[in-house]
Amino acid sequence: MTTIGELAKAGVLEILRVSPRIRMDEGTVPVLTLEDAARGRGPTGSAALDEDHVRIRARDIVVSQIARHPIARVAAEDGPVLGPGLTIVRVDPERTDPDFVAGWLRLGARGASLRSSTSSARFDVRRARLPRLTPAEQAGYGEAFRRLTDLETALRAARETGEQVLALGLEGLGAGTLRPRT
C-alpha cells in the first residue's frame, strides 16, 4: 500500500486546492461547488475572475475535503473552476489510471465519513491509501470503479425522474387535469 501524499512527493500525481482568494458569487466564472460534486451535476456557482483559480481538466479527480460528503469523481471534460471544500488530484494517465485512484479515494473518503462524529470533519486526501499495482491491474480496478460510478449516475437519474413523475401526478390529480382510472 501507499498513500496519495507519497505519490505526490514522488511526482506521480499533483494535489491542487482552491485558491484562498476565490470570491464566490461575485462574478461570471463558473464554479463547481461541493453540492454540485455531491449531486454529480455541472457547476452552479460563480466567482470573480482570478488568475489563481484552479481550473478542472478532463481526467482530473475531484475530491471532497468534507468527510460527510465522500466524493471522488473523474472529470469527463475540461471545465469550471474548483470551489471551496473540494480538491483536485491530477494524475498522469500514462502512468496512473484516474478511475483507479478515484475509486480508492472514494473508499478512503467513505471510511473517513463513517469514522467522523461531526459534520465538519475533514478528509485528508494525502492520507488516503491505495494499493501499489501495475498499470494493467490498475486498469482492471479502474474499469470496475467506473462501472459502479456509471450505475450510481443512472440510479440518480432514475430517482430524479421518478420524483418528477410523482410530483406531476400529484399536481395533475389535485388540479383535475388527471383523473383516476374508473
C-alpha atoms as a PDB file:
ATOM      1  CA  MET A   1       0.000   0.000   0.000  1.00  0.00           C
ATOM      2  CA  THR A   2       0.974   3.643  -0.474  1.00  0.00           C
ATOM      3  CA  THR A   3      -0.702   6.997   0.131  1.00  0.00           C
ATOM      4  CA  ILE A   4      -1.732   9.839  -2.126  1.00  0.00           C
ATOM      5  CA  GLY A   5       0.764  12.033  -0.246  1.00  0.00           C
ATOM      6  CA  GLU A   6       3.629   9.639  -1.006  1.00  0.00           C
ATOM      7  CA  LEU A   7       2.651   9.550  -4.676  1.00  0.00           C
ATOM      8  CA  ALA A   8       2.565  13.370  -4.730  1.00  0.00           C
ATOM      9  CA  LYS A   9       6.062  13.532  -3.207  1.00  0.00           C
ATOM     10  CA  ALA A  10       7.276  11.083  -5.865  1.00  0.00           C
ATOM     11  CA  GLY A  11       5.794  13.279  -8.626  1.00  0.00           C
ATOM     12  CA  VAL A  12       3.319  10.629  -9.764  1.00  0.00           C
ATOM     13  CA  LEU A  13       0.383  12.978  -9.179  1.00  0.00           C
ATOM     14  CA  GLU A  14      -0.471  16.521  -8.051  1.00  0.00           C
ATOM     15  CA  ILE A  15      -2.811  17.695  -5.322  1.00  0.00           C
ATOM     16  CA  LEU A  16      -4.445  21.053  -6.087  1.00  0.00           C
ATOM     17  CA  ARG A  17      -6.635  23.074  -3.744  1.00  0.00           C
ATOM     18  CA  VAL A  18      -8.971  26.011  -4.140  1.00  0.00           C
ATOM     19  CA  SER A  19      -7.416  29.429  -4.346  1.00  0.00           C
ATOM     20  CA  PRO A  20      -7.805  31.104  -0.936  1.00  0.00           C
ATOM     21  CA  ARG A  21      -8.686  34.284  -2.819  1.00  0.00           C
ATOM     22  CA  ILE A  22     -11.785  32.851  -4.521  1.00  0.00           C
ATOM     23  CA  ARG A  23     -14.684  35.296  -4.209  1.00  0.00           C
ATOM     24  CA  MET A  24     -17.866  33.284  -4.649  1.00  0.00           C
ATOM     25  CA  ASP A  25     -20.997  34.818  -6.192  1.00  0.00           C
ATOM     26  CA  GLU A  26     -19.127  37.946  -7.298  1.00  0.00           C
ATOM     27  CA  GLY A  27     -18.523  37.241 -10.970  1.00  0.00           C
ATOM     28  CA  THR A  28     -19.256  35.147 -14.016  1.00  0.00           C
ATOM     29  CA  VAL A  29     -16.583  32.427 -13.849  1.00  0.00           C
ATOM     30  CA  PRO A  30     -18.390  29.052 -13.466  1.00  0.00           C
ATOM     31  CA  VAL A  31     -17.515  27.267 -10.207  1.00  0.00           C
ATOM     32  CA  LEU A  32     -18.131  23.639  -9.288  1.00  0.00           C
ATOM     33  CA  THR A  33     -19.445  23.677  -5.725  1.00  0.00           C
ATOM     34  CA  LEU A  34     -19.335  20.892  -3.163  1.00  0.00           C
ATOM     35  CA  GLU A  35     -23.089  20.406  -3.646  1.00  0.00           C
ATOM     36  CA  ASP A  36     -22.622  20.171  -7.434  1.00  0.00           C
ATOM     37  CA  ALA A  37     -19.961  17.496  -6.999  1.00  0.00           C
ATOM     38  CA  ALA A  38     -22.109  15.586  -4.491  1.00  0.00           C
ATOM     39  CA  ARG A  39     -25.052  15.553  -6.897  1.00  0.00           C
ATOM     40  CA  GLY A  40     -22.937  14.740  -9.938  1.00  0.00           C
ATOM     41  CA  ARG A  41     -24.063  17.819 -11.829  1.00  0.00           C
ATOM     42  CA  GLY A  42     -22.417  20.724 -13.609  1.00  0.00           C
ATOM     43  CA  PRO A  43     -21.353  23.979 -11.967  1.00  0.00           C
ATOM     44  CA  THR A  44     -23.955  26.218 -10.354  1.00  0.00           C
ATOM     45  CA  GLY A  45     -21.603  28.606  -8.561  1.00  0.00           C
ATOM     46  CA  SER A  46     -19.803  31.626  -9.911  1.00  0.00           C
ATOM     47  CA  ALA A  47     -16.806  33.691  -8.899  1.00  0.00           C
ATOM     48  CA  ALA A  48     -14.892  36.777  -9.855  1.00  0.00           C
ATOM     49  CA  LEU A  49     -12.116  36.243 -12.396  1.00  0.00           C
ATOM     50  CA  ASP A  50      -8.776  35.470 -10.739  1.00  0.00           C
ATOM     51  CA  GLU A  51      -5.558  34.126 -12.272  1.00  0.00           C
ATOM     52  CA  ASP A  52      -5.075  31.822  -9.251  1.00  0.00           C
ATOM     53  CA  HIS A  53      -8.261  29.824  -9.873  1.00  0.00           C
ATOM     54  CA  VAL A  54      -7.779  26.068 -10.147  1.00  0.00           C
ATOM     55  CA  ARG A  55      -9.499  25.017 -13.361  1.00  0.00           C
ATOM     56  CA  ILE A  56     -10.702  21.423 -13.662  1.00  0.00           C
ATOM     57  CA  ARG A  57      -9.221  19.437 -16.558  1.00  0.00           C
ATOM     58  CA  ALA A  58     -10.546  16.289 -18.192  1.00  0.00           C
ATOM     59  CA  ARG A  59      -9.464  13.196 -16.184  1.00  0.00           C
ATOM     60  CA  ASP A  60      -8.863  15.251 -13.003  1.00  0.00           C
ATOM     61  CA  ILE A  61     -10.229  13.626  -9.868  1.00  0.00           C
ATOM     62  CA  VAL A  62     -12.481  15.979  -7.892  1.00  0.00           C
ATOM     63  CA  VAL A  63     -12.456  15.034  -4.201  1.00  0.00           C
ATOM     64  CA  SER A  64     -14.405  16.424  -1.260  1.00  0.00           C
ATOM     65  CA  GLN A  65     -12.423  17.714   1.702  1.00  0.00           C
ATOM     66  CA  ILE A  66     -15.512  17.255   3.903  1.00  0.00           C
ATOM     67  CA  ALA A  67     -15.816  13.738   5.359  1.00  0.00           C
ATOM     68  CA  ARG A  68     -19.636  13.726   5.366  1.00  0.00           C
ATOM     69  CA  HIS A  69     -19.596  14.059   1.545  1.00  0.00           C
ATOM     70  CA  PRO A  70     -17.471  11.088   0.362  1.00  0.00           C
ATOM     71  CA  ILE A  71     -16.902  12.207  -3.220  1.00  0.00           C
ATOM     72  CA  ALA A  72     -14.200  11.290  -5.703  1.00  0.00           C
ATOM     73  CA  ARG A  73     -15.240  11.757  -9.345  1.00  0.00           C
ATOM     74  CA  VAL A  74     -13.222  11.768 -12.530  1.00  0.00           C
ATOM     75  CA  ALA A  75     -13.987  14.856 -14.636  1.00  0.00           C
ATOM     76  CA  ALA A  76     -15.193  13.948 -18.127  1.00  0.00           C
ATOM     77  CA  GLU A  77     -14.031  17.189 -19.723  1.00  0.00           C
ATOM     78  CA  ASP A  78     -12.214  20.445 -19.125  1.00  0.00           C
ATOM     79  CA  GLY A  79     -14.487  22.630 -17.141  1.00  0.00           C
ATOM     80  CA  PRO A  80     -15.169  25.052 -14.386  1.00  0.00           C
ATOM     81  CA  VAL A  81     -13.129  26.401 -11.528  1.00  0.00           C
ATOM     82  CA  LEU A  82     -12.800  24.343  -8.366  1.00  0.00           C
ATOM     83  CA  GLY A  83     -14.973  25.574  -5.493  1.00  0.00           C
ATOM     84  CA  PRO A  84     -14.499  25.614  -1.722  1.00  0.00           C
ATOM     85  CA  GLY A  85     -14.429  22.261   0.060  1.00  0.00           C
ATOM     86  CA  LEU A  86     -13.006  20.461  -2.995  1.00  0.00           C
ATOM     87  CA  THR A  87      -9.547  19.233  -4.001  1.00  0.00           C
ATOM     88  CA  ILE A  88      -8.207  18.026  -7.329  1.00  0.00           C
ATOM     89  CA  VAL A  89      -5.934  15.029  -7.641  1.00  0.00           C
ATOM     90  CA  ARG A  90      -4.303  15.260 -11.070  1.00  0.00           C
ATOM     91  CA  VAL A  91      -2.615  12.112 -12.370  1.00  0.00           C
ATOM     92  CA  ASP A  92      -0.615  11.414 -15.486  1.00  0.00           C
ATOM     93  CA  PRO A  93      -2.933   8.944 -17.287  1.00  0.00           C
ATOM     94  CA  GLU A  94       0.131   7.395 -18.952  1.00  0.00           C
ATOM     95  CA  ARG A  95       1.402   6.298 -15.520  1.00  0.00           C
ATOM     96  CA  THR A  96      -1.705   6.007 -13.341  1.00  0.00           C
ATOM     97  CA  ASP A  97      -5.359   5.172 -14.051  1.00  0.00           C
ATOM     98  CA  PRO A  98      -7.536   8.072 -12.798  1.00  0.00           C
ATOM     99  CA  ASP A  99     -10.575   5.832 -12.205  1.00  0.00           C
ATOM    100  CA  PHE A 100      -8.427   3.504 -10.089  1.00  0.00           C
ATOM    101  CA  VAL A 101      -7.237   6.429  -7.952  1.00  0.00           C
ATOM    102  CA  ALA A 102     -10.768   7.894  -7.741  1.00  0.00           C
ATOM    103  CA  GLY A 103     -12.172   4.584  -6.546  1.00  0.00           C
ATOM    104  CA  TRP A 104      -9.617   4.258  -3.759  1.00  0.00           C
ATOM    105  CA  LEU A 105     -10.051   7.927  -2.818  1.00  0.00           C
ATOM    106  CA  ARG A 106     -13.784   7.388  -2.561  1.00  0.00           C
ATOM    107  CA  LEU A 107     -13.235   4.355  -0.339  1.00  0.00           C
ATOM    108  CA  GLY A 108     -10.945   6.461   1.873  1.00  0.00           C
ATOM    109  CA  ALA A 109     -13.425   9.336   1.996  1.00  0.00           C
ATOM    110  CA  ARG A 110     -16.258   6.941   2.806  1.00  0.00           C
ATOM    111  CA  GLY A 111     -14.205   5.449   5.641  1.00  0.00           C
ATOM    112  CA  ALA A 112     -13.483   8.937   6.988  1.00  0.00           C
ATOM    113  CA  SER A 113     -17.199   9.705   6.818  1.00  0.00           C
ATOM    114  CA  LEU A 114     -18.074   6.572   8.788  1.00  0.00           C
ATOM    115  CA  ARG A 115     -15.431   7.369  11.442  1.00  0.00           C
ATOM    116  CA  SER A 116     -16.434  11.033  11.733  1.00  0.00           C
ATOM    117  CA  SER A 117     -18.547  12.125  14.679  1.00  0.00           C
ATOM    118  CA  THR A 118     -19.014  15.696  13.439  1.00  0.00           C
ATOM    119  CA  SER A 119     -20.438  17.128  10.242  1.00  0.00           C
ATOM    120  CA  SER A 120     -17.398  19.394   9.770  1.00  0.00           C
ATOM    121  CA  ALA A 121     -14.703  16.690   9.922  1.00  0.00           C
ATOM    122  CA  ARG A 122     -12.113  16.969   7.154  1.00  0.00           C
ATOM    123  CA  PHE A 123     -10.957  14.254   4.798  1.00  0.00           C
ATOM    124  CA  ASP A 124      -7.189  14.424   4.368  1.00  0.00           C
ATOM    125  CA  VAL A 125      -6.632  13.411   0.746  1.00  0.00           C
ATOM    126  CA  ARG A 126      -2.892  12.972   1.349  1.00  0.00           C
ATOM    127  CA  ARG A 127      -3.510  10.172   3.858  1.00  0.00           C
ATOM    128  CA  ALA A 128      -5.783   8.156   1.564  1.00  0.00           C
ATOM    129  CA  ARG A 129      -4.326   4.721   0.939  1.00  0.00           C
ATOM    130  CA  LEU A 130      -4.266   2.710  -2.253  1.00  0.00           C
ATOM    131  CA  PRO A 131      -2.504  -0.440  -3.380  1.00  0.00           C
ATOM    132  CA  ARG A 132       0.649  -0.394  -5.490  1.00  0.00           C
ATOM    133  CA  LEU A 133      -0.397  -2.139  -8.682  1.00  0.00           C
ATOM    134  CA  THR A 134       0.846  -2.417 -12.238  1.00  0.00           C
ATOM    135  CA  PRO A 135      -0.869  -0.232 -14.867  1.00  0.00           C
ATOM    136  CA  ALA A 136      -2.746  -3.302 -16.185  1.00  0.00           C
ATOM    137  CA  GLU A 137      -4.013  -4.160 -12.697  1.00  0.00           C
ATOM    138  CA  GLN A 138      -4.982  -0.518 -12.128  1.00  0.00           C
ATOM    139  CA  ALA A 139      -6.932  -0.540 -15.399  1.00  0.00           C
ATOM    140  CA  GLY A 140      -8.977  -3.534 -14.238  1.00  0.00           C
ATOM    141  CA  TYR A 141      -9.877  -1.861 -10.962  1.00  0.00           C
ATOM    142  CA  GLY A 142     -10.424   1.439 -12.749  1.00  0.00           C
ATOM    143  CA  GLU A 143     -12.938  -0.160 -15.123  1.00  0.00           C
ATOM    144  CA  ALA A 144     -14.816  -1.746 -12.197  1.00  0.00           C
ATOM    145  CA  PHE A 145     -14.895   1.551 -10.267  1.00  0.00           C
ATOM    146  CA  ARG A 146     -16.031   3.385 -13.445  1.00  0.00           C
ATOM    147  CA  ARG A 147     -18.909   0.913 -13.970  1.00  0.00           C
ATOM    148  CA  LEU A 148     -20.072   1.410 -10.394  1.00  0.00           C
ATOM    149  CA  THR A 149     -19.929   5.179 -10.857  1.00  0.00           C
ATOM    150  CA  ASP A 150     -21.962   4.848 -14.082  1.00  0.00           C
ATOM    151  CA  LEU A 151     -24.534   2.748 -12.201  1.00  0.00           C
ATOM    152  CA  GLU A 152     -24.714   5.397  -9.481  1.00  0.00           C
ATOM    153  CA  THR A 153     -25.309   8.084 -12.115  1.00  0.00           C
ATOM    154  CA  ALA A 154     -28.080   6.040 -13.756  1.00  0.00           C
ATOM    155  CA  LEU A 155     -29.749   5.355 -10.410  1.00  0.00           C
ATOM    156  CA  ARG A 156     -29.610   9.065  -9.512  1.00  0.00           C
ATOM    157  CA  ALA A 157     -31.205   9.996 -12.860  1.00  0.00           C
ATOM    158  CA  ALA A 158     -33.935   7.369 -12.402  1.00  0.00           C
ATOM    159  CA  ARG A 159     -34.680   8.628  -8.880  1.00  0.00           C
ATOM    160  CA  GLU A 160     -34.871  12.254 -10.057  1.00  0.00           C
ATOM    161  CA  THR A 161     -37.151  11.286 -12.960  1.00  0.00           C
ATOM    162  CA  GLY A 162     -39.350   9.264 -10.610  1.00  0.00           C
ATOM    163  CA  GLU A 163     -39.655  12.212  -8.240  1.00  0.00           C
ATOM    164  CA  GLN A 164     -40.701  14.458 -11.152  1.00  0.00           C
ATOM    165  CA  VAL A 165     -43.317  11.945 -12.343  1.00  0.00           C
ATOM    166  CA  LEU A 166     -44.684  11.657  -8.806  1.00  0.00           C
ATOM    167  CA  ALA A 167     -44.890  15.442  -8.384  1.00  0.00           C
ATOM    168  CA  LEU A 168     -46.612  15.879 -11.765  1.00  0.00           C
ATOM    169  CA  GLY A 169     -49.079  13.099 -10.959  1.00  0.00           C
ATOM    170  CA  LEU A 170     -49.977  14.668  -7.626  1.00  0.00           C
ATOM    171  CA  GLU A 171     -50.330  18.110  -9.173  1.00  0.00           C
ATOM    172  CA  GLY A 172     -52.416  16.730 -12.047  1.00  0.00           C
ATOM    173  CA  LEU A 173     -54.803  14.899  -9.730  1.00  0.00           C
ATOM    174  CA  GLY A 174     -55.056  17.916  -7.447  1.00  0.00           C
ATOM    175  CA  ALA A 175     -55.729  20.325 -10.346  1.00  0.00           C
ATOM    176  CA  GLY A 176     -58.169  17.995 -12.058  1.00  0.00           C
ATOM    177  CA  THR A 177     -56.113  17.664 -15.248  1.00  0.00           C
ATOM    178  CA  LEU A 178     -55.597  13.983 -14.450  1.00  0.00           C
ATOM    179  CA  ARG A 179     -58.351  11.646 -13.386  1.00  0.00           C
ATOM    180  CA  PRO A 180     -58.082   8.272 -11.698  1.00  0.00           C
ATOM    181  CA  ARG A 181     -58.990   5.170 -13.702  1.00  0.00           C
ATOM    182  CA  THR A 182     -62.546   4.039 -13.191  1.00  0.00           C
END
